[in-house]
Every structure is written in C-alpha cells, then in structure tokens.
Protein backbone atom coordinates (compact mmCIF):
# COMPACT_ATOMS: atom_id res chain seq x y z
CA MET A 1 -14.28 -18.68 -6.16
CA ILE A 2 -10.39 -18.93 -7.04
CA ASP A 3 -9.26 -17.82 -10.07
CA PRO A 4 -6.92 -20.77 -11.46
CA LYS A 5 -4.57 -18.31 -12.73
CA ASP A 6 -4.35 -16.43 -9.54
CA LEU A 7 -3.52 -19.82 -7.87
CA GLU A 8 -0.94 -20.53 -10.48
CA ILE A 9 0.58 -17.25 -10.03
CA PHE A 10 0.69 -17.72 -6.41
CA GLN A 11 2.47 -21.24 -6.50
CA SER A 12 5.21 -19.64 -9.12
CA PHE A 13 5.74 -17.17 -6.42
CA ILE A 14 6.39 -19.24 -3.92
CA GLY A 15 8.64 -21.41 -5.93
CA ALA A 16 10.69 -18.10 -6.82
CA ASP A 17 10.74 -17.05 -3.34
CA ARG A 18 12.11 -20.10 -2.18
CA GLN A 19 14.98 -19.84 -4.48
CA GLU A 20 15.94 -16.31 -2.81
CA GLN A 21 14.95 -16.47 0.86
CA GLY A 22 17.94 -16.37 3.33
CA ALA A 23 18.77 -16.82 7.04
CA GLU A 24 18.70 -12.94 7.26
CA ASP A 25 15.91 -12.09 5.42
CA THR A 26 13.71 -9.05 6.65
CA PRO A 27 10.09 -8.64 6.04
CA GLY A 28 11.31 -5.59 3.77
CA ASN A 29 13.73 -8.02 1.79
CA ILE A 30 10.69 -10.27 0.93
CA PHE A 31 8.38 -7.08 0.14
CA LEU A 32 10.83 -6.23 -2.55
CA ARG A 33 11.14 -9.29 -3.96
CA ALA A 34 7.31 -9.82 -4.26
CA GLY A 35 7.18 -6.18 -5.95
CA ARG A 36 10.13 -7.08 -8.12
CA TYR A 37 8.31 -10.56 -8.87
CA PHE A 38 5.20 -8.65 -10.30
CA LEU A 39 7.35 -6.21 -12.85
CA GLY A 40 5.64 -6.00 -15.86
CA ALA A 41 2.30 -7.21 -14.56
CA PRO A 42 -0.68 -4.90 -16.32
CA TYR A 43 -2.39 -1.80 -14.67
CA GLU A 44 -5.80 -2.06 -14.04
CA GLU A 45 -8.10 0.19 -12.04
CA LYS A 46 -10.24 -0.41 -9.11
CA THR A 47 -8.89 -4.05 -8.58
CA ARG A 48 -10.28 -4.25 -4.74
CA ASP A 49 -14.09 -3.64 -6.37
CA PRO A 50 -16.30 -6.53 -6.07
CA SER A 51 -18.92 -6.93 -9.00
CA GLY A 52 -21.48 -7.56 -6.32
CA PRO A 53 -21.89 -6.99 -2.31
CA GLU A 54 -18.58 -6.49 -0.82
CA ALA A 55 -16.26 -9.25 -0.79
CA LEU A 56 -12.53 -10.03 -0.70
CA VAL A 57 -11.30 -9.66 -4.28
CA ILE A 58 -7.90 -11.78 -4.84
CA ASN A 59 -6.16 -10.81 -7.83
CA LEU A 60 -2.74 -11.31 -8.73
CA ARG A 61 -2.93 -10.82 -12.52
CA THR A 62 -3.38 -6.91 -12.96
CA PHE A 63 -2.97 -4.33 -9.94
CA ASP A 64 -3.46 -0.70 -9.47
CA CYS A 65 -0.69 1.17 -7.04
CA PHE A 66 -2.55 0.12 -3.98
CA THR A 67 -3.50 -3.46 -5.01
CA LEU A 68 0.19 -4.17 -5.21
CA VAL A 69 1.46 -2.77 -2.22
CA GLU A 70 -1.46 -4.76 -0.35
CA ASN A 71 -0.69 -7.91 -2.00
CA CYS A 72 2.89 -7.69 -1.81
CA CYS A 73 2.38 -6.85 1.87
CA ALA A 74 0.41 -10.01 2.48
CA LEU A 75 3.02 -12.37 0.69
CA ALA A 76 5.55 -10.79 2.78
CA ILE A 77 3.93 -11.26 5.95
CA MET A 78 3.10 -14.99 4.59
CA ARG A 79 6.59 -15.50 3.69
CA TYR A 80 8.41 -14.12 6.83
CA THR A 81 5.89 -16.12 9.19
CA GLY A 82 6.88 -19.35 7.35
CA LYS A 83 3.65 -20.15 5.53
CA ASP A 84 2.83 -20.51 2.15
CA ARG A 85 -0.85 -21.85 1.64
CA PHE A 86 -3.17 -19.77 -0.56
CA THR A 87 -5.61 -19.78 2.09
CA ASP A 88 -2.81 -18.18 4.51
CA TYR A 89 -2.18 -15.22 2.00
CA ALA A 90 -5.67 -14.91 1.56
CA ALA A 91 -6.31 -14.43 5.20
CA ILE A 92 -3.65 -12.02 5.61
CA LEU A 93 -5.19 -9.95 2.65
CA ARG A 94 -8.37 -9.57 4.38
CA SER A 95 -6.64 -8.85 7.30
CA LEU A 96 -4.93 -5.82 5.53
CA ARG A 97 -7.73 -4.54 3.56
CA TYR A 98 -10.75 -4.91 6.09
CA ARG A 99 -10.75 -3.11 9.37
CA ASP A 100 -10.33 -5.78 11.74
CA GLY A 101 -10.00 -8.18 9.12
CA VAL A 102 -13.79 -8.39 9.06
CA VAL A 103 -15.80 -7.90 5.92
CA THR A 104 -18.95 -5.59 6.87
CA GLY A 105 -19.69 -3.74 3.61
CA TYR A 106 -18.23 -0.92 1.75
CA PRO A 107 -17.24 1.14 4.54
CA SER A 108 -15.05 -1.52 6.55
CA ARG A 109 -12.58 -1.64 3.73
CA HIS A 110 -9.66 0.99 4.20
CA HIS A 111 -9.97 3.36 1.52
CA TYR A 112 -7.66 6.15 2.59
CA PHE A 113 -3.97 5.28 2.97
CA SER A 114 -3.99 7.17 6.56
CA ASP A 115 -6.55 4.25 7.90
CA TRP A 116 -4.77 1.70 6.53
CA LEU A 117 -1.48 2.83 8.09
CA GLN A 118 -2.94 3.41 11.39
CA SER A 119 -4.85 0.14 11.79
CA HIS A 120 -1.80 -1.81 10.93
CA GLU A 121 0.52 0.33 12.80
CA GLU A 122 -2.09 -0.25 16.02
CA ALA A 123 -1.83 -3.83 14.95
CA GLY A 124 2.00 -4.02 15.03
CA LEU A 125 2.48 -5.02 11.48
CA ILE A 126 3.64 -1.83 9.98
CA ARG A 127 5.61 1.00 11.59
CA ASP A 128 5.20 4.72 10.42
CA MET A 129 8.82 6.34 9.75
CA THR A 130 7.56 9.60 8.66
CA GLN A 131 7.88 11.54 11.62
CA ALA A 132 11.31 9.74 12.93
CA LEU A 133 12.70 10.73 9.33
CA GLY A 134 11.69 14.54 10.01
CA GLY A 135 8.31 14.47 8.58
CA ARG A 136 6.00 17.42 9.75
CA THR A 137 2.38 17.35 10.94
CA LEU A 138 -0.01 17.21 8.30
CA GLY A 139 -3.30 18.97 9.28
CA LYS A 140 -5.64 18.63 6.66
CA ALA A 141 -9.55 17.18 6.79
CA LEU A 142 -10.07 14.04 5.00
CA ASN A 143 -13.33 14.09 3.49
CA PHE A 144 -12.77 13.33 -0.26
CA MET A 145 -14.54 10.36 -0.82
CA THR A 146 -18.12 11.73 0.93
CA THR A 147 -18.17 14.98 -0.99
CA HIS A 148 -17.37 12.86 -4.08
CA ARG A 149 -20.19 10.77 -3.44
CA GLU A 150 -21.24 10.38 -6.96
CA VAL A 151 -18.10 8.77 -7.88
CA TYR A 152 -18.71 6.11 -5.18
CA LEU A 153 -21.66 3.84 -6.13
CA PRO A 154 -21.58 2.12 -2.98
CA LEU A 155 -22.14 5.35 -1.18
CA GLN A 156 -25.29 6.02 -2.78
CA ASP A 157 -26.76 3.77 0.54
CA PRO A 158 -27.43 6.13 3.02
CA THR A 159 -26.06 3.67 6.08
CA ALA A 160 -22.74 3.29 4.29
CA PHE A 161 -22.52 7.00 3.74
CA ARG A 162 -23.07 7.63 7.33
CA GLN A 163 -20.38 5.02 8.17
CA MET A 164 -17.85 6.54 5.95
CA ILE A 165 -18.58 10.00 7.44
CA ALA A 166 -17.60 8.62 10.55
CA VAL A 167 -14.58 6.96 9.54
CA GLU A 168 -13.48 10.52 7.78
CA ARG A 169 -14.16 12.38 11.13
CA ARG A 170 -11.93 9.95 12.91
CA LEU A 171 -9.42 10.15 10.42
CA SER A 172 -9.52 14.18 10.66
CA GLU A 173 -8.91 13.82 14.23
CA THR A 174 -5.85 11.91 13.98
CA THR A 175 -2.31 13.19 14.00
CA ARG A 176 -0.68 12.55 10.59
CA HIS A 177 2.69 13.50 8.92
CA LEU A 178 4.18 14.08 5.66
CA LEU A 179 7.96 14.67 4.62
CA PRO A 180 7.97 17.73 2.35
CA LYS A 181 9.49 16.94 -0.78
CA ALA A 182 11.91 19.84 -0.35
CA GLU A 183 13.37 17.99 2.89
CA LEU A 184 13.73 14.54 0.79
CA ASN A 185 17.62 14.99 -0.26
CA ARG A 186 18.49 15.50 3.45
CA ARG A 187 16.47 12.77 4.37
CA GLU A 188 16.39 10.10 2.07
CA GLY A 189 19.41 8.38 3.52
CA GLY A 190 17.05 7.18 6.35
CA ILE A 191 14.88 5.45 3.97
CA GLU A 192 15.34 1.75 3.52
CA GLU A 193 15.02 -0.50 0.16
CA GLY A 194 11.65 -2.41 0.82
CA ASP A 195 9.82 0.60 2.82
CA ILE A 196 6.40 1.82 1.49
CA LEU A 197 6.26 5.17 -0.22
CA ALA A 198 3.03 6.93 -0.31
CA ILE A 199 2.62 10.26 -2.24
CA THR A 200 1.02 12.95 -0.50
CA THR A 201 -1.11 15.18 -2.09
CA ASP A 202 -2.65 18.73 -2.02
CA GLN A 203 -5.77 17.99 -3.14
CA GLU A 204 -8.67 18.89 -0.85
CA GLY A 205 -10.04 16.03 1.30
CA LEU A 206 -7.26 13.35 0.14
CA ASP A 207 -4.38 12.62 2.06
CA VAL A 208 -2.30 10.28 -0.81
CA CYS A 209 -2.56 10.43 -4.38
CA HIS A 210 -0.21 7.05 -5.16
CA VAL A 211 1.82 4.35 -3.34
CA GLY A 212 4.66 2.26 -4.12
CA ILE A 213 7.77 0.48 -2.72
CA ALA A 214 11.20 2.32 -2.16
CA VAL A 215 14.24 0.63 -4.36
CA ARG A 216 17.61 1.90 -4.97
CA LEU A 217 19.52 1.59 -8.61
CA LEU A 218 22.34 3.37 -9.98
CA ALA A 219 24.35 5.96 -7.27
CA GLY A 220 21.98 4.49 -4.61
CA ARG A 221 19.18 6.99 -5.52
CA LEU A 222 15.45 6.00 -4.42
CA ARG A 223 13.23 5.25 -7.13
CA LEU A 224 9.49 4.01 -6.88
CA LEU A 225 8.49 0.38 -7.99
CA HIS A 226 5.32 1.10 -8.34
CA ALA A 227 1.76 -0.14 -10.91
CA SER A 228 2.02 2.97 -13.24
CA GLN A 229 -0.99 4.28 -14.93
CA GLN A 230 0.98 5.83 -17.32
CA ALA A 231 3.27 2.58 -18.15
CA GLY A 232 0.34 0.94 -18.02
CA ARG A 233 2.30 -2.07 -16.01
CA VAL A 234 4.36 -2.47 -12.78
CA VAL A 235 7.58 -0.79 -13.31
CA ILE A 236 10.44 0.69 -11.71
CA SER A 237 10.29 4.65 -12.35
CA PRO A 238 13.04 5.78 -14.69
CA ASP A 239 13.26 8.90 -12.50
CA THR A 240 14.58 9.29 -9.09
CA LEU A 241 11.68 9.64 -6.26
CA LYS A 242 13.08 13.38 -6.28
CA ASP A 243 12.50 13.75 -9.78
CA TYR A 244 9.14 12.17 -9.91
CA LEU A 245 7.81 14.45 -7.01
CA GLN A 246 8.49 17.48 -8.62
CA GLN A 247 7.07 16.67 -11.65
CA SER A 248 3.55 17.86 -10.29
CA PRO A 249 2.82 20.76 -8.28
CA HIS A 250 0.27 18.50 -6.54
CA ARG A 251 2.73 15.83 -4.98
CA THR A 252 3.74 17.70 -1.72
CA GLY A 253 5.92 14.73 -0.32
CA ILE A 254 5.71 11.41 1.03
CA MET A 255 4.80 9.23 3.77
CA VAL A 256 6.98 6.48 4.86
CA ALA A 257 6.04 3.27 6.46
CA ARG A 258 7.91 -0.20 7.14
CA LEU A 259 6.81 -3.39 7.79
CA ALA A 260 8.02 -4.30 11.48
CA LEU A 261 7.00 -7.98 12.47
CA PRO A 262 8.73 -9.70 15.21
CA LYS A 263 11.69 -11.68 14.25
CA ILE A 264 10.93 -15.37 13.43
CA ASN A 265 13.19 -17.94 13.92
CA HIS A 266 12.47 -20.46 11.18
C-alpha cells in the first residue's frame, strides 16, 4: 500500500530534479541533489522495519541515517537511468535493500553496511573507494546482531537466527578496509562530493555506526549530509568531517563508496 504522502514527495522530487538536471550529470551529482532535497526532513529510527512480516517499507517522510542514504541512492540510480515512475524507484529500492532484490525474510535484508556495499559492488552499482584512498585492512569479526539477539525481535525465530549467523560468518571472512581518521587530512582530497561516507566504529562485532553523504562547503572541507539523531532531522553537519570523527573515540575512521553506474546517453 503506497502512502499518498510518499507519492506526493516522490513527484515533488522528480519535478525539482528535472529543473536541476544537466547533460554532464553523474550518479554522484544526482545522489547529492537528492540528499539536499531532503534537508530538514525529520529523523526517525528503524524506518526500514515493517509492522508485520518482512516486506519492503517505503518512507520518504522520515529517515534514519541509513534509509536516507539508501533512498537517495535509489532515486539517483532511477534518475540517472532515465526513469521517473514510482514503481521504478520502488523496484530499485528493493534491489538495494534485499540480497538479490528478493524478500525472503529478515536475514535477506542488508543489515550491515559491509554486506550492503559488497553486494552492490559485485552488481556494479557501487565502488568501494576505501583501499584506493589509502585505507588499511579492517580485520574484525561481525557478529553484533546475533550476540545481541534480544534487541532484534525477528532473530528470536531459530531459522532466522541461524541464517543471520551464516551471513555474519561470510562477512567476517571478507576483506574490508577503513581509512583511519588520523589519515583523513592527507587523503580527503580524493573524496568527491556525493560519495557515501560510512563511519567505522571500535564497537565489538560492528563495522559501521553511521552513514551519510560527502559534501564540501566553506574552504572546500568535507562535511557530512546525514540524518542526525542529535539534530532530529536531515542536516549538513556544522563540523568538518575531521572534527566530527574526533568528537568520539569510538569513531575510528571511514569507509568511502561511490555510485559507479556506466555512462548513460539520454
């Protein structure tokens, strides 16, 4: 069931984006435009979770950090490939949110950023830029969800729990990279506006604690466009990315990803 408010927001975005599109648009440009379009939208947690059995949830009214990035990716891919129907957006969103685009229960959703990134890099939609920017290997087991099973109600089901263990085991055996925050000053020149920035964490069993979109403002310094729990809405961080990372000892660095669709001739 489509909420009329989501359809209205979608149509408004399409109209606004048509006014701004250019012949040299890149996926990253459109991605950033989508992020800017949603500035001021309210923050809300767990906006991917359905009220019943696992199903695609569409919500363009409120965002958490990941649903902002995911929805903006879906809108950017849709617009870059010359599409403008709500059904196109919904299909792309499903393909981004669920492994192979198929909803087969809670574990079929990409819960870890590393899982989301790996799947879509293999599909040719997104490129992990972290290693190329000088990132080092992130050798860390991912098991936060299954070691905190009580927080995730769908994991009370034994089958879903076993499937999630298998997902975590696969991810733990996959090589990942992070760019340490101490290296950001030397490396940030290689980060482009419209890149996806994922904040890595030292929390045991977890890869990423927050995500947003790279933007440059005064003096060209990187900032984060993100759905901020602290601000209660989608904002551009008042602090530079470097300062944002320094505000918590648990923020260890970043992963950087870039939409990497083939050039389309419109």
